[in-house]
Structures are given as structure tokens and as C-alpha cells.
PDB file of N, CA and C in Angstrom:
ATOM      1  N   MET A   1     -10.532  57.993  64.692  1.00  0.00           N
ATOM      2  CA  MET A   1     -10.549  59.048  63.704  1.00  0.00           C
ATOM      3  C   MET A   1      -9.703  58.602  62.518  1.00  0.00           C
ATOM      4  N   PHE A   2     -10.076  59.064  61.329  1.00  0.00           N
ATOM      5  CA  PHE A   2      -9.420  58.727  60.076  1.00  0.00           C
ATOM      6  C   PHE A   2      -8.960  60.019  59.404  1.00  0.00           C
ATOM      7  N   VAL A   3      -7.744  60.019  58.848  1.00  0.00           N
ATOM      8  CA  VAL A   3      -7.210  61.200  58.178  1.00  0.00           C
ATOM      9  C   VAL A   3      -6.775  60.816  56.767  1.00  0.00           C
ATOM     10  N   ALA A   4      -7.207  61.604  55.798  1.00  0.00           N
ATOM     11  CA  ALA A   4      -6.774  61.441  54.408  1.00  0.00           C
ATOM     12  C   ALA A   4      -5.916  62.651  54.047  1.00  0.00           C
ATOM     13  N   ILE A   5      -4.758  62.380  53.466  1.00  0.00           N
ATOM     14  CA  ILE A   5      -3.847  63.444  53.059  1.00  0.00           C
ATOM     15  C   ILE A   5      -3.593  63.304  51.564  1.00  0.00           C
ATOM     16  N   ASN A   6      -3.924  64.356  50.828  1.00  0.00           N
ATOM     17  CA  ASN A   6      -3.656  64.388  49.398  1.00  0.00           C
ATOM     18  C   ASN A   6      -2.445  65.291  49.189  1.00  0.00           C
ATOM     19  N   ARG A   7      -1.334  64.715  48.764  1.00  0.00           N
ATOM     20  CA  ARG A   7      -0.109  65.466  48.473  1.00  0.00           C
ATOM     21  C   ARG A   7      -0.205  65.915  47.020  1.00  0.00           C
ATOM     22  N   MET A   8      -0.297  67.241  46.834  1.00  0.00           N
ATOM     23  CA  MET A   8      -0.526  67.776  45.494  1.00  0.00           C
ATOM     24  C   MET A   8       0.650  68.644  45.055  1.00  0.00           C
ATOM     25  N   GLY A   9       1.283  68.239  43.960  1.00  0.00           N
ATOM     26  CA  GLY A   9       2.347  69.030  43.365  1.00  0.00           C
ATOM     27  C   GLY A   9       1.722  70.111  42.492  1.00  0.00           C
ATOM     28  N   VAL A  10       2.071  71.361  42.781  1.00  0.00           N
ATOM     29  CA  VAL A  10       1.491  72.495  42.063  1.00  0.00           C
ATOM     30  C   VAL A  10       2.629  73.300  41.429  1.00  0.00           C
ATOM     31  N   PRO A  11       2.618  73.450  40.104  1.00  0.00           N
ATOM     32  CA  PRO A  11       3.667  74.244  39.459  1.00  0.00           C
ATOM     33  C   PRO A  11       3.679  75.680  39.986  1.00  0.00           C
ATOM     34  N   GLU A  12       4.856  76.263  40.025  1.00  0.00           N
ATOM     35  CA  GLU A  12       5.055  77.614  40.571  1.00  0.00           C
ATOM     36  C   GLU A  12       4.059  78.627  40.014  1.00  0.00           C
ATOM     37  N   GLY A  13       3.844  78.636  38.719  1.00  0.00           N
ATOM     38  CA  GLY A  13       2.970  79.624  38.103  1.00  0.00           C
ATOM     39  C   GLY A  13       1.486  79.421  38.372  1.00  0.00           C
ATOM     40  N   MET A  14       1.119  78.327  39.030  1.00  0.00           N
ATOM     41  CA  MET A  14      -0.292  78.032  39.282  1.00  0.00           C
ATOM     42  C   MET A  14      -0.654  78.066  40.760  1.00  0.00           C
ATOM     43  N   ARG A  15       0.285  78.431  41.611  1.00  0.00           N
ATOM     44  CA  ARG A  15       0.028  78.395  43.051  1.00  0.00           C
ATOM     45  C   ARG A  15      -1.068  79.366  43.482  1.00  0.00           C
ATOM     46  N   ALA A  16      -1.056  80.586  42.962  1.00  0.00           N
ATOM     47  CA  ALA A  16      -2.079  81.560  43.357  1.00  0.00           C
ATOM     48  C   ALA A  16      -3.471  81.062  42.963  1.00  0.00           C
ATOM     49  N   THR A  17      -3.591  80.490  41.775  1.00  0.00           N
ATOM     50  CA  THR A  17      -4.881  79.956  41.332  1.00  0.00           C
ATOM     51  C   THR A  17      -5.298  78.781  42.206  1.00  0.00           C
ATOM     52  N   PHE A  18      -4.360  77.897  42.517  1.00  0.00           N
ATOM     53  CA  PHE A  18      -4.638  76.750  43.371  1.00  0.00           C
ATOM     54  C   PHE A  18      -5.153  77.207  44.738  1.00  0.00           C
ATOM     55  N   GLU A  19      -4.456  78.156  45.341  1.00  0.00           N
ATOM     56  CA  GLU A  19      -4.868  78.645  46.652  1.00  0.00           C
ATOM     57  C   GLU A  19      -6.234  79.332  46.580  1.00  0.00           C
ATOM     58  N   GLN A  20      -6.480  80.078  45.518  1.00  0.00           N
ATOM     59  CA  GLN A  20      -7.781  80.733  45.361  1.00  0.00           C
ATOM     60  C   GLN A  20      -8.906  79.716  45.259  1.00  0.00           C
ATOM     61  N   HIS A  21      -8.676  78.622  44.558  1.00  0.00           N
ATOM     62  CA  HIS A  21      -9.688  77.564  44.450  1.00  0.00           C
ATOM     63  C   HIS A  21     -10.076  77.041  45.828  1.00  0.00           C
ATOM     64  N   PHE A  22      -9.094  76.837  46.683  1.00  0.00           N
ATOM     65  CA  PHE A  22      -9.409  76.321  48.015  1.00  0.00           C
ATOM     66  C   PHE A  22     -10.068  77.379  48.894  1.00  0.00           C
ATOM     67  N   MET A  23      -9.682  78.625  48.725  1.00  0.00           N
ATOM     68  CA  MET A  23     -10.269  79.686  49.558  1.00  0.00           C
ATOM     69  C   MET A  23     -11.707  80.002  49.137  1.00  0.00           C
ATOM     70  N   THR A  24     -12.089  79.610  47.920  1.00  0.00           N
ATOM     71  CA  THR A  24     -13.447  79.883  47.440  1.00  0.00           C
ATOM     72  C   THR A  24     -14.242  78.604  47.207  1.00  0.00           C
ATOM     73  N   ARG A  25     -13.828  77.524  47.829  1.00  0.00           N
ATOM     74  CA  ARG A  25     -14.521  76.242  47.629  1.00  0.00           C
ATOM     75  C   ARG A  25     -15.956  76.317  48.127  1.00  0.00           C
ATOM     76  N   ALA A  26     -16.786  75.467  47.586  1.00  0.00           N
ATOM     77  CA  ALA A  26     -18.213  75.482  47.909  1.00  0.00           C
ATOM     78  C   ALA A  26     -18.495  75.027  49.338  1.00  0.00           C
ATOM     79  N   GLY A  27     -17.619  74.223  49.915  1.00  0.00           N
ATOM     80  CA  GLY A  27     -17.813  73.777  51.289  1.00  0.00           C
ATOM     81  C   GLY A  27     -18.747  72.582  51.428  1.00  0.00           C
ATOM     82  N   ALA A  28     -18.986  71.863  50.334  1.00  0.00           N
ATOM     83  CA  ALA A  28     -19.892  70.713  50.406  1.00  0.00           C
ATOM     84  C   ALA A  28     -19.392  69.661  51.378  1.00  0.00           C
ATOM     85  N   VAL A  29     -18.076  69.489  51.474  1.00  0.00           N
ATOM     86  CA  VAL A  29     -17.522  68.481  52.379  1.00  0.00           C
ATOM     87  C   VAL A  29     -17.868  68.812  53.829  1.00  0.00           C
ATOM     88  N   ASP A  30     -17.969  70.088  54.142  1.00  0.00           N
ATOM     89  CA  ASP A  30     -18.249  70.505  55.519  1.00  0.00           C
ATOM     90  C   ASP A  30     -19.588  69.982  56.035  1.00  0.00           C
ATOM     91  N   ARG A  31     -20.483  69.657  55.125  1.00  0.00           N
ATOM     92  CA  ARG A  31     -21.817  69.184  55.507  1.00  0.00           C
ATOM     93  C   ARG A  31     -21.944  67.663  55.496  1.00  0.00           C
ATOM     94  N   ARG A  32     -20.870  66.968  55.179  1.00  0.00           N
ATOM     95  CA  ARG A  32     -20.920  65.513  55.077  1.00  0.00           C
ATOM     96  C   ARG A  32     -20.899  64.863  56.461  1.00  0.00           C
ATOM     97  N   GLN A  33     -21.645  63.771  56.560  1.00  0.00           N
ATOM     98  CA  GLN A  33     -21.657  62.999  57.800  1.00  0.00           C
ATOM     99  C   GLN A  33     -20.235  62.527  58.113  1.00  0.00           C
ATOM    100  N   GLY A  34     -19.806  62.721  59.342  1.00  0.00           N
ATOM    101  CA  GLY A  34     -18.517  62.243  59.796  1.00  0.00           C
ATOM    102  C   GLY A  34     -17.356  63.179  59.536  1.00  0.00           C
ATOM    103  N   PHE A  35     -17.581  64.258  58.791  1.00  0.00           N
ATOM    104  CA  PHE A  35     -16.504  65.211  58.512  1.00  0.00           C
ATOM    105  C   PHE A  35     -16.178  65.988  59.783  1.00  0.00           C
ATOM    106  N   ILE A  36     -14.892  66.141  60.082  1.00  0.00           N
ATOM    107  CA  ILE A  36     -14.454  66.888  61.251  1.00  0.00           C
ATOM    108  C   ILE A  36     -13.838  68.218  60.838  1.00  0.00           C
ATOM    109  N   LYS A  37     -12.789  68.170  59.992  1.00  0.00           N
ATOM    110  CA  LYS A  37     -12.167  69.420  59.549  1.00  0.00           C
ATOM    111  C   LYS A  37     -11.275  69.150  58.350  1.00  0.00           C
ATOM    112  N   ALA A  38     -10.923  70.246  57.660  1.00  0.00           N
ATOM    113  CA  ALA A  38      -9.985  70.194  56.548  1.00  0.00           C
ATOM    114  C   ALA A  38      -8.916  71.252  56.759  1.00  0.00           C
ATOM    115  N   GLU A  39      -7.724  70.943  56.315  1.00  0.00           N
ATOM    116  CA  GLU A  39      -6.618  71.891  56.356  1.00  0.00           C
ATOM    117  C   GLU A  39      -5.852  71.766  55.042  1.00  0.00           C
ATOM    118  N   VAL A  40      -5.417  72.898  54.514  1.00  0.00           N
ATOM    119  CA  VAL A  40      -4.558  72.896  53.329  1.00  0.00           C
ATOM    120  C   VAL A  40      -3.245  73.547  53.749  1.00  0.00           C
ATOM    121  N   LEU A  41      -2.161  72.795  53.626  1.00  0.00           N
ATOM    122  CA  LEU A  41      -0.855  73.265  54.062  1.00  0.00           C
ATOM    123  C   LEU A  41      -0.035  73.718  52.859  1.00  0.00           C
ATOM    124  N   ARG A  42       0.478  74.943  52.933  1.00  0.00           N
ATOM    125  CA  ARG A  42       1.329  75.523  51.879  1.00  0.00           C
ATOM    126  C   ARG A  42       2.777  75.150  52.173  1.00  0.00           C
ATOM    127  N   PRO A  43       3.519  74.702  51.150  1.00  0.00           N
ATOM    128  CA  PRO A  43       4.915  74.324  51.391  1.00  0.00           C
ATOM    129  C   PRO A  43       5.805  75.528  51.667  1.00  0.00           C
ATOM    130  N   LYS A  44       6.706  75.368  52.591  1.00  0.00           N
ATOM    131  CA  LYS A  44       7.718  76.399  52.844  1.00  0.00           C
ATOM    132  C   LYS A  44       8.843  76.271  51.819  1.00  0.00           C
ATOM    133  N   SER A  45       9.013  75.071  51.279  1.00  0.00           N
ATOM    134  CA  SER A  45       9.933  74.840  50.167  1.00  0.00           C
ATOM    135  C   SER A  45       9.359  73.701  49.335  1.00  0.00           C
ATOM    136  N   GLY A  46       9.762  73.645  48.089  1.00  0.00           N
ATOM    137  CA  GLY A  46       9.223  72.621  47.201  1.00  0.00           C
ATOM    138  C   GLY A  46       7.871  73.025  46.642  1.00  0.00           C
ATOM    139  N   SER A  47       7.201  72.086  45.999  1.00  0.00           N
ATOM    140  CA  SER A  47       5.950  72.407  45.312  1.00  0.00           C
ATOM    141  C   SER A  47       4.751  71.620  45.827  1.00  0.00           C
ATOM    142  N   ASP A  48       4.925  70.799  46.851  1.00  0.00           N
ATOM    143  CA  ASP A  48       3.838  69.935  47.317  1.00  0.00           C
ATOM    144  C   ASP A  48       3.012  70.580  48.432  1.00  0.00           C
ATOM    145  N   TYR A  49       1.729  70.783  48.136  1.00  0.00           N
ATOM    146  CA  TYR A  49       0.758  71.199  49.137  1.00  0.00           C
ATOM    147  C   TYR A  49       0.176  69.925  49.750  1.00  0.00           C
ATOM    148  N   LEU A  50      -0.254  70.003  51.005  1.00  0.00           N
ATOM    149  CA  LEU A  50      -0.944  68.886  51.644  1.00  0.00           C
ATOM    150  C   LEU A  50      -2.379  69.304  51.916  1.00  0.00           C
ATOM    151  N   VAL A  51      -3.320  68.509  51.421  1.00  0.00           N
ATOM    152  CA  VAL A  51      -4.736  68.729  51.683  1.00  0.00           C
ATOM    153  C   VAL A  51      -5.159  67.619  52.642  1.00  0.00           C
ATOM    154  N   MET A  52      -5.431  68.005  53.884  1.00  0.00           N
ATOM    155  CA  MET A  52      -5.736  67.034  54.927  1.00  0.00           C
ATOM    156  C   MET A  52      -7.202  67.134  55.324  1.00  0.00           C
ATOM    157  N   THR A  53      -7.883  65.998  55.334  1.00  0.00           N
ATOM    158  CA  THR A  53      -9.247  65.973  55.846  1.00  0.00           C
ATOM    159  C   THR A  53      -9.318  64.962  56.978  1.00  0.00           C
ATOM    160  N   HIS A  54     -10.058  65.329  58.012  1.00  0.00           N
ATOM    161  CA  HIS A  54     -10.211  64.507  59.217  1.00  0.00           C
ATOM    162  C   HIS A  54     -11.664  64.041  59.280  1.00  0.00           C
ATOM    163  N   TRP A  55     -11.845  62.751  59.548  1.00  0.00           N
ATOM    164  CA  TRP A  55     -13.167  62.112  59.524  1.00  0.00           C
ATOM    165  C   TRP A  55     -13.379  61.258  60.767  1.00  0.00           C
ATOM    166  N   GLN A  56     -14.631  61.059  61.097  1.00  0.00           N
ATOM    167  CA  GLN A  56     -14.961  60.141  62.187  1.00  0.00           C
ATOM    168  C   GLN A  56     -14.543  58.719  61.833  1.00  0.00           C
ATOM    169  N   SER A  57     -14.691  58.343  60.541  1.00  0.00           N
ATOM    170  CA  SER A  57     -14.368  56.971  60.137  1.00  0.00           C
ATOM    171  C   SER A  57     -13.953  56.932  58.669  1.00  0.00           C
ATOM    172  N   GLU A  58     -13.290  55.862  58.292  1.00  0.00           N
ATOM    173  CA  GLU A  58     -12.918  55.661  56.899  1.00  0.00           C
ATOM    174  C   GLU A  58     -14.165  55.508  56.027  1.00  0.00           C
ATOM    175  N   ALA A  59     -15.210  54.893  56.572  1.00  0.00           N
ATOM    176  CA  ALA A  59     -16.458  54.742  55.820  1.00  0.00           C
ATOM    177  C   ALA A  59     -17.062  56.103  55.470  1.00  0.00           C
ATOM    178  N   ASP A  60     -16.988  57.055  56.399  1.00  0.00           N
ATOM    179  CA  ASP A  60     -17.489  58.409  56.120  1.00  0.00           C
ATOM    180  C   ASP A  60     -16.691  59.047  54.978  1.00  0.00           C
ATOM    181  N   PHE A  61     -15.364  58.887  55.014  1.00  0.00           N
ATOM    182  CA  PHE A  61     -14.517  59.414  53.947  1.00  0.00           C
ATOM    183  C   PHE A  61     -14.875  58.773  52.610  1.00  0.00           C
ATOM    184  N   ASN A  62     -15.005  57.456  52.589  1.00  0.00           N
ATOM    185  CA  ASN A  62     -15.325  56.750  51.340  1.00  0.00           C
ATOM    186  C   ASN A  62     -16.684  57.175  50.785  1.00  0.00           C
ATOM    187  N   ALA A  63     -17.638  57.440  51.667  1.00  0.00           N
ATOM    188  CA  ALA A  63     -18.957  57.924  51.209  1.00  0.00           C
ATOM    189  C   ALA A  63     -18.805  59.281  50.541  1.00  0.00           C
ATOM    190  N   TRP A  64     -17.944  60.143  51.089  1.00  0.00           N
ATOM    191  CA  TRP A  64     -17.678  61.452  50.477  1.00  0.00           C
ATOM    192  C   TRP A  64     -17.062  61.287  49.085  1.00  0.00           C
ATOM    193  N   VAL A  65     -16.043  60.432  48.977  1.00  0.00           N
ATOM    194  CA  VAL A  65     -15.353  60.241  47.700  1.00  0.00           C
ATOM    195  C   VAL A  65     -16.302  59.694  46.633  1.00  0.00           C
ATOM    196  N   GLY A  66     -17.291  58.937  47.039  1.00  0.00           N
ATOM    197  CA  GLY A  66     -18.247  58.384  46.085  1.00  0.00           C
ATOM    198  C   GLY A  66     -19.429  59.284  45.790  1.00  0.00           C
ATOM    199  N   SER A  67     -19.464  60.448  46.392  1.00  0.00           N
ATOM    200  CA  SER A  67     -20.629  61.326  46.253  1.00  0.00           C
ATOM    201  C   SER A  67     -20.573  62.213  45.012  1.00  0.00           C
ATOM    202  N   PRO A  68     -21.739  62.612  44.500  1.00  0.00           N
ATOM    203  CA  PRO A  68     -21.769  63.556  43.375  1.00  0.00           C
ATOM    204  C   PRO A  68     -21.112  64.893  43.720  1.00  0.00           C
ATOM    205  N   GLU A  69     -21.222  65.334  44.977  1.00  0.00           N
ATOM    206  CA  GLU A  69     -20.617  66.608  45.392  1.00  0.00           C
ATOM    207  C   GLU A  69     -19.081  66.557  45.290  1.00  0.00           C
ATOM    208  N   PHE A  70     -18.506  65.424  45.630  1.00  0.00           N
ATOM    209  CA  PHE A  70     -17.059  65.259  45.512  1.00  0.00           C
ATOM    210  C   PHE A  70     -16.633  65.427  44.058  1.00  0.00           C
ATOM    211  N   HIS A  71     -17.320  64.732  43.166  1.00  0.00           N
ATOM    212  CA  HIS A  71     -16.955  64.784  41.752  1.00  0.00           C
ATOM    213  C   HIS A  71     -17.195  66.170  41.162  1.00  0.00           C
ATOM    214  N   GLU A  72     -18.239  66.829  41.584  1.00  0.00           N
ATOM    215  CA  GLU A  72     -18.501  68.191  41.124  1.00  0.00           C
ATOM    216  C   GLU A  72     -17.396  69.139  41.583  1.00  0.00           C
ATOM    217  N   GLY A  73     -17.016  69.055  42.832  1.00  0.00           N
ATOM    218  CA  GLY A  73     -15.981  69.928  43.369  1.00  0.00           C
ATOM    219  C   GLY A  73     -14.628  69.714  42.720  1.00  0.00           C
ATOM    220  N   HIS A  74     -14.339  68.495  42.337  1.00  0.00           N
ATOM    221  CA  HIS A  74     -13.036  68.209  41.753  1.00  0.00           C
ATOM    222  C   HIS A  74     -12.965  68.521  40.263  1.00  0.00           C
ATOM    223  N   ARG A  75     -14.059  68.888  39.658  1.00  0.00           N
ATOM    224  CA  ARG A  75     -14.023  69.332  38.253  1.00  0.00           C
ATOM    225  C   ARG A  75     -13.203  70.597  38.093  1.00  0.00           C
ATOM    226  N   ARG A  76     -13.118  71.402  39.136  1.00  0.00           N
ATOM    227  CA  ARG A  76     -12.341  72.647  39.069  1.00  0.00           C
ATOM    228  C   ARG A  76     -10.861  72.383  38.856  1.00  0.00           C
ATOM    229  N   MET A  77     -10.410  71.190  39.125  1.00  0.00           N
ATOM    230  CA  MET A  77      -9.003  70.874  38.901  1.00  0.00           C
ATOM    231  C   MET A  77      -8.662  70.897  37.412  1.00  0.00           C
ATOM    232  N   ALA A  78      -9.664  70.851  36.555  1.00  0.00           N
ATOM    233  CA  ALA A  78      -9.424  70.946  35.113  1.00  0.00           C
ATOM    234  C   ALA A  78      -8.860  72.316  34.732  1.00  0.00           C
ATOM    235  N   ASP A  79      -8.933  73.288  35.625  1.00  0.00           N
ATOM    236  CA  ASP A  79      -8.358  74.617  35.366  1.00  0.00           C
ATOM    237  C   ASP A  79      -6.837  74.572  35.331  1.00  0.00           C
ATOM    238  N   PHE A  80      -6.249  73.479  35.726  1.00  0.00           N
ATOM    239  CA  PHE A  80      -4.799  73.377  35.834  1.00  0.00           C
ATOM    240  C   PHE A  80      -4.228  72.528  34.700  1.00  0.00           C
ATOM    241  N   LYS A  81      -4.452  73.002  33.467  1.00  0.00           N
ATOM    242  CA  LYS A  81      -3.954  72.303  32.287  1.00  0.00           C
ATOM    243  C   LYS A  81      -2.927  73.166  31.572  1.00  0.00           C
ATOM    244  N   ASP A  82      -1.969  72.493  30.935  1.00  0.00           N
ATOM    245  CA  ASP A  82      -0.979  73.224  30.147  1.00  0.00           C
ATOM    246  C   ASP A  82      -1.535  73.484  28.745  1.00  0.00           C
ATOM    247  N   SER A  83      -0.726  74.037  27.872  1.00  0.00           N
ATOM    248  CA  SER A  83      -1.192  74.404  26.529  1.00  0.00           C
ATOM    249  C   SER A  83      -1.581  73.190  25.691  1.00  0.00           C
ATOM    250  N   ASP A  84      -1.118  71.997  26.078  1.00  0.00           N
ATOM    251  CA  ASP A  84      -1.492  70.766  25.375  1.00  0.00           C
ATOM    252  C   ASP A  84      -2.734  70.104  25.960  1.00  0.00           C
ATOM    253  N   GLY A  85      -3.309  70.724  26.993  1.00  0.00           N
ATOM    254  CA  GLY A  85      -4.504  70.168  27.620  1.00  0.00           C
ATOM    255  C   GLY A  85      -4.224  69.133  28.687  1.00  0.00           C
ATOM    256  N   LYS A  86      -2.963  68.967  29.061  1.00  0.00           N
ATOM    257  CA  LYS A  86      -2.595  67.985  30.084  1.00  0.00           C
ATOM    258  C   LYS A  86      -2.653  68.639  31.465  1.00  0.00           C
ATOM    259  N   VAL A  87      -3.277  67.954  32.428  1.00  0.00           N
ATOM    260  CA  VAL A  87      -3.351  68.466  33.807  1.00  0.00           C
ATOM    261  C   VAL A  87      -1.940  68.509  34.379  1.00  0.00           C
ATOM    262  N   THR A  88      -1.587  69.646  34.971  1.00  0.00           N
ATOM    263  CA  THR A  88      -0.222  69.849  35.460  1.00  0.00           C
ATOM    264  C   THR A  88      -0.057  69.552  36.949  1.00  0.00           C
ATOM    265  N   LEU A  89      -1.143  69.322  37.656  1.00  0.00           N
ATOM    266  CA  LEU A  89      -1.042  68.976  39.078  1.00  0.00           C
ATOM    267  C   LEU A  89      -0.709  67.502  39.212  1.00  0.00           C
ATOM    268  N   THR A  90       0.045  67.176  40.240  1.00  0.00           N
ATOM    269  CA  THR A  90       0.240  65.771  40.586  1.00  0.00           C
ATOM    270  C   THR A  90      -0.465  65.522  41.913  1.00  0.00           C
ATOM    271  N   SER A  91      -0.818  64.282  42.153  1.00  0.00           N
ATOM    272  CA  SER A  91      -1.580  63.971  43.350  1.00  0.00           C
ATOM    273  C   SER A  91      -1.259  62.557  43.822  1.00  0.00           C
ATOM    274  N   SER A  92      -1.059  62.419  45.131  1.00  0.00           N
ATOM    275  CA  SER A  92      -0.938  61.085  45.717  1.00  0.00           C
ATOM    276  C   SER A  92      -1.614  61.112  47.084  1.00  0.00           C
ATOM    277  N   MET A  93      -2.364  60.067  47.346  1.00  0.00           N
ATOM    278  CA  MET A  93      -3.136  59.976  48.590  1.00  0.00           C
ATOM    279  C   MET A  93      -2.417  59.116  49.618  1.00  0.00           C
ATOM    280  N   GLU A  94      -2.546  59.542  50.873  1.00  0.00           N
ATOM    281  CA  GLU A  94      -2.083  58.779  52.018  1.00  0.00           C
ATOM    282  C   GLU A  94      -3.225  58.765  53.019  1.00  0.00           C
ATOM    283  N   THR A  95      -3.434  57.662  53.688  1.00  0.00           N
ATOM    284  CA  THR A  95      -4.503  57.575  54.681  1.00  0.00           C
ATOM    285  C   THR A  95      -3.946  57.037  55.988  1.00  0.00           C
ATOM    286  N   TYR A  96      -4.552  57.492  57.079  1.00  0.00           N
ATOM    287  CA  TYR A  96      -4.068  57.159  58.418  1.00  0.00           C
ATOM    288  C   TYR A  96      -5.243  56.968  59.381  1.00  0.00           C
ATOM    289  N   ASP A  97      -5.041  56.100  60.341  1.00  0.00           N
ATOM    290  CA  ASP A  97      -5.918  55.998  61.489  1.00  0.00           C
ATOM    291  C   ASP A  97      -5.230  56.706  62.653  1.00  0.00           C
ATOM    292  N   VAL A  98      -5.932  57.581  63.344  1.00  0.00           N
ATOM    293  CA  VAL A  98      -5.380  58.266  64.512  1.00  0.00           C
ATOM    294  C   VAL A  98      -5.517  57.304  65.693  1.00  0.00           C
ATOM    295  N   PHE A  99      -4.416  57.006  66.345  1.00  0.00           N
ATOM    296  CA  PHE A  99      -4.464  56.098  67.488  1.00  0.00           C
ATOM    297  C   PHE A  99      -4.122  56.783  68.807  1.00  0.00           C
ATOM    298  N   ALA A 100      -3.584  58.014  68.732  1.00  0.00           N
ATOM    299  CA  ALA A 100      -3.270  58.768  69.945  1.00  0.00           C
ATOM    300  C   ALA A 100      -3.431  60.232  69.623  1.00  0.00           C
ATOM    301  N   GLY A 101      -3.787  60.998  70.617  1.00  0.00           N
ATOM    302  CA  GLY A 101      -3.950  62.433  70.333  1.00  0.00           C
ATOM    303  C   GLY A 101      -4.227  63.225  71.567  1.00  0.00           C
TER     304      GLY A 101
END
């Protein structure tokens, strides 16, 4: 199994909008080959949310990232811009292979 974790920094004033985006997502990833599940973790402190997706394989994940549905779904992140038009979210990816469970 393969796990991708996107650590996303969300400014305090945008958290409700961020959470609403995930609660109303189209669900295209749910229909992708090899997709197992997704979880979005809200921080108890700090500003970093974790978006975790679990896949049968890294190849399945990479196929998702290269898909038109992925790019369409991520256009909604443009809603998180400041008054200068700069995106205010930060993002860093981490990937893991599950070896025990």
C-alpha cells in the first residue's frame, strides 16, 4: 500500500472555507483505480492540515495526479488568494510505503 500526505498550511481566517471545500468535494478520486481512502486531519494546534490518501500502489497515485480530474479538482484552491492575488495556502508532499499494519 502507498500513502500520500499533503501537509497544507491554512491561514486562520480561511479554515472554514478550506474545510467546506473538502466536505463538498466532487469525489472524483473515490472512483480512481487503486484508491482506498482519503482522510483530512484538522490540527489541534498550529495551522497545518494533513490530507492523506491511501492507494494500492504508487503507480495508481501517479495516474491520479496526472489525470484531468485531479487538475480540475485542484482549481478550487484558487479561492485561497489574498488581496494581491497570491495563494495563501502552503503545501508540501510526503509519500510512504506501508510495510506493516
